[in-house]
Protein backbone atom coordinates (compact mmCIF):
# COMPACT_ATOMS: atom_id res chain seq x y z
CA MET A 1 0.08 0.07 -0.08
CA SER A 2 1.33 3.54 -1.05
CA GLN A 3 2.19 6.27 1.69
CA LYS A 4 -0.38 8.18 0.13
CA LEU A 5 -3.23 5.63 0.75
CA ILE A 6 -1.85 4.98 4.21
CA ASN A 7 -2.16 8.47 5.18
CA GLU A 8 -5.92 8.83 4.03
CA ALA A 9 -6.81 5.81 5.63
CA ASN A 10 -5.30 7.51 8.82
CA HIS A 11 -7.12 10.57 7.98
CA GLN A 12 -10.35 9.15 7.50
CA ALA A 13 -10.04 7.37 10.96
CA LEU A 14 -9.25 10.73 12.59
CA GLN A 15 -12.44 12.09 11.57
CA PHE A 16 -14.38 9.32 13.74
CA LEU A 17 -12.87 10.43 17.11
CA THR A 18 -14.75 13.35 18.87
CA ARG A 19 -13.79 15.08 21.80
CA ARG A 20 -15.69 12.89 24.02
CA HIS A 21 -13.69 10.15 22.67
CA PHE A 22 -10.34 11.85 23.05
CA LEU A 23 -10.89 12.62 26.79
CA LYS A 24 -12.58 9.04 27.34
CA ASP A 25 -9.58 7.42 25.92
CA CYS A 26 -7.19 9.61 28.22
CA VAL A 27 -8.94 8.99 31.21
CA THR A 28 -9.25 5.31 30.79
CA GLY A 29 -5.34 4.99 29.83
CA LEU A 30 -4.20 6.90 32.91
CA GLY A 31 -6.45 4.60 34.74
CA ALA A 32 -5.34 1.55 33.67
CA ALA A 33 -1.74 2.85 34.09
CA ALA A 34 -2.52 3.94 37.91
CA LEU A 35 -3.83 0.77 38.17
CA GLY A 36 -1.17 -1.31 36.88
CA SER A 37 1.51 0.22 39.06
CA LEU A 38 -0.62 -0.15 42.11
CA LEU A 39 -1.07 -4.17 41.37
CA GLY A 40 3.01 -4.20 40.75
CA GLY A 41 2.73 -4.66 37.54
CA CYS A 42 1.02 -7.92 37.54
CA ASN A 43 -0.46 -8.77 34.08
CA VAL A 44 -4.05 -8.17 34.32
CA PHE A 45 -4.87 -6.44 31.02
CA SER A 46 -4.05 -8.34 27.48
CA ASN A 47 -2.24 -6.02 25.35
CA SER A 48 -3.77 -8.20 22.39
CA LYS A 49 -6.80 -6.35 20.26
CA GLU A 50 -7.74 -9.68 19.49
CA SER A 51 -8.09 -10.82 22.71
CA ALA A 52 -10.12 -7.60 23.96
CA LEU A 53 -12.30 -8.00 21.23
CA ALA A 54 -13.08 -11.53 22.21
CA ASP A 55 -13.96 -10.48 26.00
CA SER A 56 -16.08 -7.95 24.32
CA LEU A 57 -17.96 -10.38 21.70
CA ASN A 58 -19.15 -12.22 24.56
CA PRO A 59 -20.73 -9.92 26.93
CA LEU A 60 -22.97 -12.34 28.32
CA ALA A 61 -19.89 -14.24 30.06
CA PRO A 62 -20.45 -14.88 33.83
CA LYS A 63 -18.96 -11.84 35.73
CA VAL A 64 -17.98 -11.56 39.79
CA PRO A 65 -20.16 -9.42 41.79
CA HIS A 66 -18.92 -6.87 44.27
CA PHE A 67 -19.07 -9.57 47.02
CA PRO A 68 -20.16 -13.16 47.50
CA GLY A 69 -23.88 -13.25 47.01
CA LYS A 70 -26.29 -15.74 48.44
CA ALA A 71 -28.32 -15.76 45.58
CA LYS A 72 -27.48 -16.66 41.82
CA SER A 73 -30.80 -16.34 39.87
CA VAL A 74 -33.99 -14.22 40.37
CA ILE A 75 -37.71 -15.40 39.67
CA TYR A 76 -39.93 -12.32 39.83
CA LEU A 77 -43.70 -13.10 40.17
CA HIS A 78 -45.38 -9.93 38.88
CA MET A 79 -49.35 -9.67 39.12
CA ALA A 80 -50.15 -6.88 36.73
CA GLY A 81 -52.87 -4.78 37.70
CA SER A 82 -52.20 -5.26 41.26
CA PRO A 83 -53.69 -7.36 43.87
CA SER A 84 -55.30 -6.06 46.93
CA GLN A 85 -53.04 -6.61 49.82
CA LEU A 86 -56.26 -5.93 52.29
CA GLU A 87 -57.90 -9.23 50.82
CA LEU A 88 -54.58 -11.40 50.66
CA PHE A 89 -52.21 -10.26 53.76
CA ASP A 90 -52.93 -7.31 55.56
CA TYR A 91 -55.80 -7.96 57.69
CA LYS A 92 -57.76 -5.06 59.24
CA PRO A 93 -60.64 -6.21 61.52
CA GLU A 94 -61.12 -1.99 62.18
CA LEU A 95 -61.52 -1.87 58.65
CA GLN A 96 -64.30 -4.30 58.81
CA LYS A 97 -66.37 -2.30 61.84
CA LEU A 98 -66.28 0.49 59.08
CA HIS A 99 -68.04 -1.15 56.26
CA ASP A 100 -70.41 0.40 54.16
CA GLN A 101 -70.04 3.83 56.29
CA LEU A 102 -69.10 7.11 54.64
CA CYS A 103 -65.44 7.53 54.43
CA PRO A 104 -64.23 10.33 57.01
CA PRO A 105 -62.85 13.58 54.81
CA SER A 106 -60.01 13.91 56.59
CA ILE A 107 -58.75 10.50 55.27
CA LEU A 108 -59.08 12.33 51.79
CA ALA A 109 -58.25 16.05 52.27
CA GLY A 110 -54.88 16.53 50.28
CA LYS A 111 -55.00 12.97 48.51
CA ARG A 112 -54.72 12.18 44.90
CA PHE A 113 -56.74 9.01 43.50
CA ALA A 114 -56.86 7.64 40.25
CA PHE A 115 -60.85 7.08 40.19
CA ILE A 116 -62.43 7.99 43.26
CA ARG A 117 -64.51 10.93 43.08
CA GLY A 118 -66.62 12.71 46.04
CA ILE A 119 -67.09 10.57 49.39
CA PRO A 120 -66.98 6.95 48.86
CA LYS A 121 -68.12 4.30 51.44
CA MET A 122 -65.47 2.08 53.38
CA LEU A 123 -65.06 -1.75 52.40
CA GLY A 124 -64.32 -4.22 54.76
CA PRO A 125 -62.02 -7.50 53.88
CA GLN A 126 -63.76 -9.44 51.56
CA ALA A 127 -62.21 -12.66 52.96
CA VAL A 128 -61.57 -14.55 55.72
CA PHE A 129 -58.11 -14.34 57.63
CA LYS A 130 -56.21 -16.81 59.72
CA GLN A 131 -52.64 -17.04 61.17
CA HIS A 132 -50.68 -19.55 59.89
CA GLY A 133 -47.38 -21.45 60.56
CA GLU A 134 -45.05 -20.97 63.39
CA SER A 135 -44.34 -17.25 62.01
CA ARG A 136 -48.01 -16.74 62.50
CA ALA A 137 -48.48 -14.52 59.66
CA TRP A 138 -51.63 -13.65 58.36
CA ILE A 139 -53.04 -15.11 55.04
CA SER A 140 -56.52 -15.09 53.58
CA ASP A 141 -58.45 -18.28 52.62
CA MET A 142 -58.16 -16.50 48.73
CA LEU A 143 -54.71 -18.32 49.23
CA PRO A 144 -55.11 -21.64 50.72
CA HIS A 145 -51.97 -23.23 49.20
CA LEU A 146 -49.66 -20.38 50.11
CA THR A 147 -50.73 -20.99 53.91
CA THR A 148 -48.58 -24.27 53.83
CA VAL A 149 -45.50 -22.38 52.94
CA ALA A 150 -46.07 -19.35 55.23
CA ASP A 151 -42.76 -19.97 56.95
CA ASP A 152 -40.50 -19.81 54.06
CA ILE A 153 -41.93 -16.61 53.21
CA SER A 154 -40.91 -12.84 54.40
CA PHE A 155 -43.49 -10.27 53.74
CA LEU A 156 -42.98 -6.20 53.44
CA LYS A 157 -45.97 -4.79 54.26
CA GLY A 158 -44.95 -1.08 54.20
CA VAL A 159 -44.26 -0.68 50.56
CA GLN A 160 -44.71 2.83 49.33
CA THR A 161 -44.67 4.30 45.17
CA ASP A 162 -45.58 7.54 44.08
CA GLN A 163 -47.35 6.36 41.12
CA PHE A 164 -51.10 5.31 40.91
CA ASN A 165 -51.22 4.74 37.11
CA HIS A 166 -50.80 1.36 36.09
CA GLY A 167 -48.14 2.22 33.23
CA PRO A 168 -46.01 4.45 35.18
CA ALA A 169 -46.12 2.57 38.40
CA GLN A 170 -44.97 -0.53 36.43
CA LEU A 171 -41.96 1.00 34.72
CA PHE A 172 -41.24 2.33 38.28
CA MET A 173 -41.52 -0.94 39.83
CA HIS A 174 -39.20 -2.81 36.87
CA THR A 175 -36.73 0.03 35.76
CA GLY A 176 -36.66 2.36 38.69
CA SER A 177 -38.03 4.97 36.95
CA PRO A 178 -41.82 6.05 35.89
CA ARG A 179 -40.43 7.39 32.37
CA LEU A 180 -39.46 5.39 29.38
CA GLY A 181 -35.91 4.78 28.54
CA ARG A 182 -34.36 3.17 31.70
CA PRO A 183 -32.84 -0.34 31.52
CA SER A 184 -34.92 -3.18 33.47
CA ILE A 185 -33.97 -5.13 36.64
CA GLY A 186 -33.42 -7.98 34.76
CA SER A 187 -31.25 -5.99 32.31
CA TRP A 188 -29.17 -4.62 35.34
CA VAL A 189 -28.76 -8.13 36.91
CA THR A 190 -27.52 -9.90 33.50
CA TYR A 191 -25.34 -6.63 32.77
CA GLY A 192 -23.50 -7.28 36.36
CA LEU A 193 -23.36 -10.89 36.30
CA GLY A 194 -23.67 -12.50 33.02
CA SER A 195 -25.41 -15.65 32.59
CA GLU A 196 -24.01 -19.30 33.64
CA ASN A 197 -25.63 -20.86 30.24
CA SER A 198 -24.12 -19.37 27.00
CA ASN A 199 -26.79 -21.27 24.95
CA LEU A 200 -29.84 -19.53 26.73
CA PRO A 201 -30.42 -15.68 27.26
CA GLY A 202 -29.75 -14.49 30.59
CA PHE A 203 -33.00 -12.74 31.06
CA VAL A 204 -36.24 -14.88 30.40
CA VAL A 205 -39.77 -13.06 30.19
CA LEU A 206 -42.86 -15.30 30.15
CA THR A 207 -46.48 -13.58 30.15
CA SER A 208 -50.04 -14.94 30.99
CA GLY A 209 -53.41 -13.43 31.30
CA GLY A 210 -54.03 -12.80 27.70
CA LYS A 211 -52.26 -9.53 27.49
CA THR A 212 -48.70 -7.85 28.37
CA PRO A 213 -48.58 -4.97 31.20
CA ASP A 214 -50.01 -1.68 30.42
CA ALA A 215 -46.40 -0.69 29.88
CA GLY A 216 -45.55 -2.82 27.21
CA LYS A 217 -42.29 -4.35 26.42
CA SER A 218 -40.27 -1.72 28.23
CA VAL A 219 -40.74 -3.16 31.40
CA TRP A 220 -38.05 -5.76 30.47
CA GLY A 221 -36.29 -3.43 27.91
CA SER A 222 -32.40 -2.61 28.49
CA GLY A 223 -32.90 1.08 27.99
CA PHE A 224 -29.33 2.71 27.59
CA LEU A 225 -27.56 -0.49 28.31
CA PRO A 226 -26.75 -2.96 25.13
CA SER A 227 -29.48 -4.42 23.84
CA VAL A 228 -28.21 -7.93 24.46
CA TYR A 229 -29.26 -7.33 27.98
CA GLN A 230 -32.92 -6.87 27.16
CA GLY A 231 -35.05 -9.52 28.15
CA VAL A 232 -36.48 -12.13 25.78
CA GLN A 233 -39.77 -13.00 25.72
CA CYS A 234 -40.72 -17.11 25.41
CA ARG A 235 -43.88 -18.51 25.00
CA SER A 236 -45.57 -21.74 26.73
CA LYS A 237 -47.18 -22.15 23.59
CA GLY A 238 -46.36 -23.09 20.07
CA GLU A 239 -42.90 -21.83 18.87
CA PRO A 240 -40.77 -20.65 22.12
CA VAL A 241 -39.51 -17.74 20.55
CA LEU A 242 -40.68 -15.82 17.63
CA TYR A 243 -38.33 -15.56 14.08
CA ILE A 244 -35.32 -17.46 15.01
CA SER A 245 -36.24 -20.44 13.07
CA ASP A 246 -34.76 -21.19 9.98
CA PRO A 247 -36.52 -19.98 6.70
CA GLU A 248 -37.67 -22.81 4.24
CA GLY A 249 -34.73 -24.07 2.20
CA VAL A 250 -32.28 -22.99 4.77
CA ASP A 251 -30.41 -25.85 6.57
CA ARG A 252 -28.15 -25.55 9.94
CA ASP A 253 -25.19 -25.77 7.66
CA MET A 254 -26.14 -22.80 5.39
CA ARG A 255 -27.30 -21.00 8.49
CA LYS A 256 -23.74 -21.23 9.92
CA GLU A 257 -21.75 -19.96 7.11
CA SER A 258 -24.19 -17.25 6.67
CA LEU A 259 -23.89 -16.44 10.43
CA LYS A 260 -20.22 -16.31 9.63
CA ALA A 261 -20.29 -13.91 7.13
CA ILE A 262 -22.78 -11.68 8.79
CA ASN A 263 -20.37 -11.09 12.05
CA GLU A 264 -17.23 -10.80 9.81
CA ILE A 265 -18.70 -7.72 8.36
CA ASN A 266 -20.11 -6.53 11.97
CA ARG A 267 -16.64 -6.93 13.43
CA GLN A 268 -15.00 -4.84 10.61
CA GLU A 269 -17.81 -2.18 11.60
CA TYR A 270 -17.04 -2.38 15.43
CA GLU A 271 -13.35 -1.71 14.65
CA ALA A 272 -14.21 1.07 12.28
CA PHE A 273 -16.62 2.66 14.65
CA GLN A 274 -16.15 1.01 18.13
CA ASP A 275 -20.18 1.50 18.11
CA PRO A 276 -20.81 -1.12 21.34
CA GLU A 277 -24.56 -2.01 19.60
CA THR A 278 -22.24 -3.67 16.92
CA LEU A 279 -20.99 -6.37 19.62
CA SER A 280 -24.58 -6.67 20.79
CA ARG A 281 -25.69 -7.55 17.34
CA ILE A 282 -22.86 -10.12 17.00
CA SER A 283 -24.10 -11.42 20.16
CA GLN A 284 -27.74 -12.06 19.31
CA TYR A 285 -26.83 -13.42 16.32
CA GLU A 286 -24.69 -15.99 17.46
CA LEU A 287 -27.08 -16.80 20.73
CA ALA A 288 -30.13 -16.93 18.41
CA TYR A 289 -28.23 -19.28 16.45
CA LYS A 290 -27.45 -21.61 19.91
CA MET A 291 -31.15 -20.84 21.01
CA GLN A 292 -32.65 -23.27 17.72
CA ILE A 293 -31.34 -25.94 19.68
CA SER A 294 -31.61 -25.25 23.25
CA VAL A 295 -34.37 -23.35 23.70
CA PRO A 296 -37.19 -25.81 22.40
CA ASP A 297 -35.68 -28.10 25.06
CA VAL A 298 -35.74 -26.43 27.83
CA MET A 299 -39.18 -25.00 27.04
CA ASN A 300 -40.56 -28.18 26.60
CA ILE A 301 -42.44 -29.61 29.63
CA ASN A 302 -43.80 -32.82 28.19
CA ASN A 303 -41.44 -34.97 29.58
CA GLU A 304 -41.68 -33.44 32.92
CA PRO A 305 -43.27 -36.16 35.34
CA ALA A 306 -46.63 -36.87 36.12
CA TYR A 307 -46.18 -35.87 39.91
CA ILE A 308 -44.79 -32.48 38.93
CA HIS A 309 -47.44 -31.63 36.42
CA GLU A 310 -50.12 -32.53 39.51
CA MET A 311 -48.27 -30.49 41.85
CA TYR A 312 -48.28 -27.29 39.46
CA GLY A 313 -51.43 -28.10 37.48
CA THR A 314 -49.66 -27.99 34.29
CA GLU A 315 -50.88 -28.35 31.08
CA PRO A 316 -48.89 -28.93 28.21
CA GLY A 317 -49.85 -27.16 24.90
CA LYS A 318 -51.45 -24.43 26.56
CA GLU A 319 -50.66 -21.00 27.73
CA SER A 320 -50.74 -20.55 31.30
CA PHE A 321 -49.46 -19.33 34.77
CA ALA A 322 -48.96 -22.39 35.89
CA ASN A 323 -46.96 -23.65 32.75
CA ASN A 324 -44.89 -20.48 33.29
CA CYS A 325 -43.90 -21.49 37.21
CA LEU A 326 -42.75 -24.90 35.84
CA LEU A 327 -40.77 -23.23 32.77
CA ALA A 328 -39.20 -20.73 35.54
CA ARG A 329 -37.62 -23.59 37.74
CA LYS A 330 -36.43 -25.13 34.26
CA LEU A 331 -34.87 -21.88 33.08
CA VAL A 332 -32.92 -21.30 36.42
CA GLU A 333 -31.91 -24.85 36.89
CA LYS A 334 -30.22 -24.48 33.24
CA GLY A 335 -28.11 -21.03 34.71
CA VAL A 336 -30.76 -18.14 33.14
CA ARG A 337 -30.07 -15.45 35.76
CA PHE A 338 -33.65 -13.54 35.63
CA VAL A 339 -36.74 -15.27 34.85
CA GLN A 340 -39.46 -12.36 34.60
CA LEU A 341 -43.09 -13.76 34.95
CA PHE A 342 -45.92 -11.46 34.27
CA ASP A 343 -49.44 -12.35 34.78
CA TRP A 344 -52.36 -9.65 33.45
CA GLY A 345 -55.64 -9.53 35.04
CA TRP A 346 -55.35 -8.05 38.71
CA ASP A 347 -56.77 -4.73 38.43
CA SER A 348 -59.73 -4.55 41.43
CA HIS A 349 -62.44 -1.93 40.10
CA GLY A 350 -65.60 -3.60 40.75
CA THR A 351 -66.60 -2.21 37.05
CA ASP A 352 -67.87 -5.79 36.50
CA GLU A 353 -67.52 -9.21 38.26
CA SER A 354 -64.17 -10.30 36.74
CA THR A 355 -62.64 -7.14 38.35
CA ALA A 356 -64.68 -7.46 41.76
CA VAL A 357 -62.35 -7.43 44.60
CA ASP A 358 -64.31 -10.41 46.09
CA LEU A 359 -65.40 -12.75 42.92
CA GLY A 360 -62.61 -11.60 40.42
CA LEU A 361 -59.94 -11.68 42.95
CA ARG A 362 -60.82 -14.91 44.38
CA ASN A 363 -60.75 -16.33 40.86
CA LYS A 364 -57.17 -15.09 39.91
CA CYS A 365 -55.91 -16.43 43.15
CA ARG A 366 -57.01 -20.02 42.33
CA GLU A 367 -54.83 -19.70 38.91
CA ILE A 368 -51.88 -18.69 41.00
CA ASP A 369 -51.85 -20.22 44.48
CA ARG A 370 -51.17 -23.48 43.50
CA PRO A 371 -48.17 -23.27 40.83
CA VAL A 372 -46.64 -20.47 43.17
CA VAL A 373 -46.28 -23.09 45.97
CA ALA A 374 -45.53 -25.46 43.54
CA LEU A 375 -42.65 -23.21 42.38
CA LEU A 376 -41.67 -22.78 45.88
CA GLN A 377 -41.58 -26.30 47.30
CA ASP A 378 -39.85 -27.59 43.81
CA LEU A 379 -37.05 -24.80 44.18
CA LYS A 380 -36.39 -26.45 47.73
CA GLN A 381 -36.55 -30.17 46.68
CA ARG A 382 -33.94 -29.76 44.17
CA GLY A 383 -31.50 -27.62 46.43
CA LEU A 384 -32.24 -24.58 44.55
CA LEU A 385 -34.26 -22.49 46.63
CA ASP A 386 -31.37 -21.08 48.77
CA GLU A 387 -29.77 -19.67 45.55
CA THR A 388 -32.90 -18.30 43.72
CA LEU A 389 -34.59 -15.31 44.95
CA VAL A 390 -38.29 -15.20 44.58
CA VAL A 391 -40.47 -12.00 44.51
CA TRP A 392 -44.04 -11.60 44.36
CA GLY A 393 -46.05 -8.37 44.17
CA GLY A 394 -48.12 -6.08 42.11
CA GLU A 395 -47.30 -2.37 41.05
CA PHE A 396 -49.01 -0.50 44.24
CA GLY A 397 -51.83 -1.16 46.58
CA ARG A 398 -55.78 -0.79 46.60
CA THR A 399 -57.50 1.78 48.64
CA PRO A 400 -59.56 0.77 52.03
CA MET A 401 -62.68 2.58 50.69
CA GLN A 402 -64.71 1.49 47.49
CA GLU A 403 -64.20 2.38 44.19
CA ASN A 404 -66.37 5.50 43.54
CA ARG A 405 -66.55 7.20 40.05
CA GLU A 406 -68.26 10.65 39.80
CA GLY A 407 -69.60 10.11 42.70
CA LYS A 408 -71.10 6.81 41.88
CA GLN A 409 -70.48 3.39 43.48
CA MET A 410 -69.72 0.72 41.44
CA PRO A 411 -72.02 -2.23 40.79
CA PHE A 412 -69.54 -4.78 42.24
CA PHE A 413 -67.16 -4.30 45.10
CA GLY A 414 -63.86 -2.84 44.20
CA ARG A 415 -60.90 -0.73 45.43
CA ASP A 416 -59.10 2.19 43.55
CA HIS A 417 -55.20 2.33 43.24
CA HIS A 418 -53.23 3.22 46.28
CA THR A 419 -49.66 4.31 46.57
CA GLU A 420 -49.25 4.62 50.46
CA ALA A 421 -49.34 1.38 51.34
CA PHE A 422 -49.12 -2.53 49.47
CA THR A 423 -47.39 -5.93 50.15
CA ILE A 424 -44.40 -7.58 48.72
CA TRP A 425 -43.18 -10.79 49.50
CA MET A 426 -39.79 -12.68 49.07
CA ALA A 427 -38.12 -16.28 49.70
CA GLY A 428 -35.25 -17.83 49.14
CA GLY A 429 -31.79 -16.47 47.98
CA GLY A 430 -30.75 -15.78 51.51
CA ILE A 431 -33.58 -14.07 52.76
CA LYS A 432 -35.20 -14.75 56.32
CA GLN A 433 -38.15 -17.23 56.32
CA GLY A 434 -41.22 -16.87 58.52
CA THR A 435 -40.69 -12.93 58.67
CA THR A 436 -43.37 -9.81 58.63
CA TRP A 437 -41.52 -6.44 58.42
CA GLY A 438 -43.55 -3.28 57.85
CA GLU A 439 -47.01 -2.29 59.39
CA THR A 440 -49.95 -0.21 58.14
CA ASP A 441 -52.41 1.80 60.18
CA GLU A 442 -55.75 0.42 61.45
CA ILE A 443 -57.55 0.79 58.34
CA GLY A 444 -54.51 -0.28 56.13
CA PHE A 445 -54.49 3.29 54.44
CA SER A 446 -50.68 4.24 55.38
CA ALA A 447 -47.43 2.47 56.31
CA ILE A 448 -46.74 3.54 59.58
CA ASN A 449 -43.77 1.14 60.46
CA GLY A 450 -41.27 -0.51 58.33
CA LYS A 451 -41.74 1.93 55.53
CA VAL A 452 -39.93 0.73 52.17
CA ASP A 453 -39.74 2.26 48.71
CA ILE A 454 -39.56 0.51 45.08
CA HIS A 455 -35.53 1.61 45.23
CA ASP A 456 -35.35 0.03 48.93
CA VAL A 457 -36.65 -3.54 46.94
CA HIS A 458 -34.48 -3.07 44.20
CA ALA A 459 -31.28 -2.34 46.28
CA THR A 460 -32.32 -5.45 48.25
CA ILE A 461 -32.48 -7.48 45.40
CA LEU A 462 -29.47 -6.43 44.23
CA HIS A 463 -27.49 -7.10 47.82
CA GLN A 464 -28.69 -10.89 47.62
CA LEU A 465 -27.15 -11.19 44.10
CA GLY A 466 -23.62 -9.67 45.71
CA PHE A 467 -23.99 -6.14 44.58
CA ASP A 468 -23.69 -3.05 46.31
CA HIS A 469 -26.64 -0.95 44.65
CA GLU A 470 -24.55 2.32 44.69
CA LYS A 471 -21.53 0.68 42.62
CA LEU A 472 -23.55 -1.04 39.80
CA ILE A 473 -23.66 1.95 37.60
CA TYR A 474 -23.55 2.57 33.61
CA GLN A 475 -22.44 5.79 32.06
CA PHE A 476 -24.44 7.49 29.88
CA GLN A 477 -24.85 10.94 28.47
CA GLY A 478 -21.84 11.85 30.69
CA ARG A 479 -23.18 10.89 33.92
CA PRO A 480 -23.19 7.62 35.77
CA PHE A 481 -26.58 5.54 36.04
CA ARG A 482 -27.83 3.13 38.29
CA LEU A 483 -30.98 0.83 38.93
CA THR A 484 -31.77 2.95 42.33
CA ASP A 485 -30.97 6.65 40.84
CA VAL A 486 -30.12 8.35 43.93
CA ALA A 487 -31.84 6.42 46.45
CA GLY A 488 -32.09 3.06 48.11
CA LYS A 489 -31.44 1.24 51.00
CA VAL A 490 -31.08 -2.62 51.55
CA ILE A 491 -33.81 -3.65 53.50
CA HIS A 492 -31.65 -5.75 55.95
CA GLU A 493 -34.54 -6.82 58.53
CA ILE A 494 -35.75 -9.44 56.27
CA ILE A 495 -32.06 -10.81 55.20
CA ALA A 496 -30.85 -13.88 57.01
């Protein structure tokens, strides 16, 4: 190559460098030099460009957290629409005494609600409560199976949020922000820990109930993190993952050769532009190729023994919450880092029978009660519960007064959205067993002890995985971002 051509190539390469690139590279180089001197010249960084590129091409490789975590994986069970804590876990006999009486105006003063207008009536618990297990946990008759594992669970009864509409509240619960654009908690976890199975996604999403959450797929998106960390939605019915099968006339060898050619082009593009999304593209092509073999196998529940199907209440070939719970166990057993289950249909406004806080809620509980308990028991019998953190909850709570739109009571018993108190429970993954933390007032309106917010819940989940939530950060638009933003405290009261 002539010197003229070399000079032109160098000039073109320099055009891609910006002031921000220059400052970033200088700071990185100085930091590496300083760290090298502190380590006494240990060869901890490879000088090989090929080696550095190879590391970058495997962003889901297992990583070491800040400290040894008690949990290796997470199964998050989100009841989209938000179940009423006052019918399930937060027993309030005083509220029963006030049933059907007009709500005192002092309770409503200065408060905002999604739908309540005028003066509503109080609504007593529409379920029968008893204490269960050695922990004496209050659980209603709507969840009879859950009562048998009360001593495995840690209840948070003073959870608060500042969002009372479904979409923003779901975003807040899963990304730490009520606005679009932030990475989901599953994306943060796979960014921080990678995956233990190179043939499966690190973050898998399963939905049931017929619809996706109100906030859409952003609740499992990667935001500003590289897109390789976003959740992969799988299905328990039909083709497990859409659009990864080979087209007609394309065999596996042809697919492999085309993948090699595409990735070579992408590698050249990365070397020219240094865009991390190019690496994500390479990684996703390769993962999709591996998933063609591995996903159909792990997503097949037909080969599970009869007693497992009986335990979960599963029906192969159908899309159901029960099937998804069994798949969640299979996925974490295979090394998937974060499994997110969304079950739609938990809104309880009382506009019709399906949303009634007594009839509709009881029916939804029948769908999830047995599979959730089966999941906990199945994880335990396989020795996986100790290293798998299970989280259950919605995006906010429900009011102790009846739904009341434009001064008119709903045709069925219903409760409005509520931000000041709701219940989340956790189990496994180093969480203290048989514990209740937090307390609401005598009618269940506000948390009075053990108040925690969404950032605290996130900080605790990350802590169990071995992360200091203040140090798990990602640089974006000139500033460091983290899941817990500028807040969050670990809830040590529920940690074993």
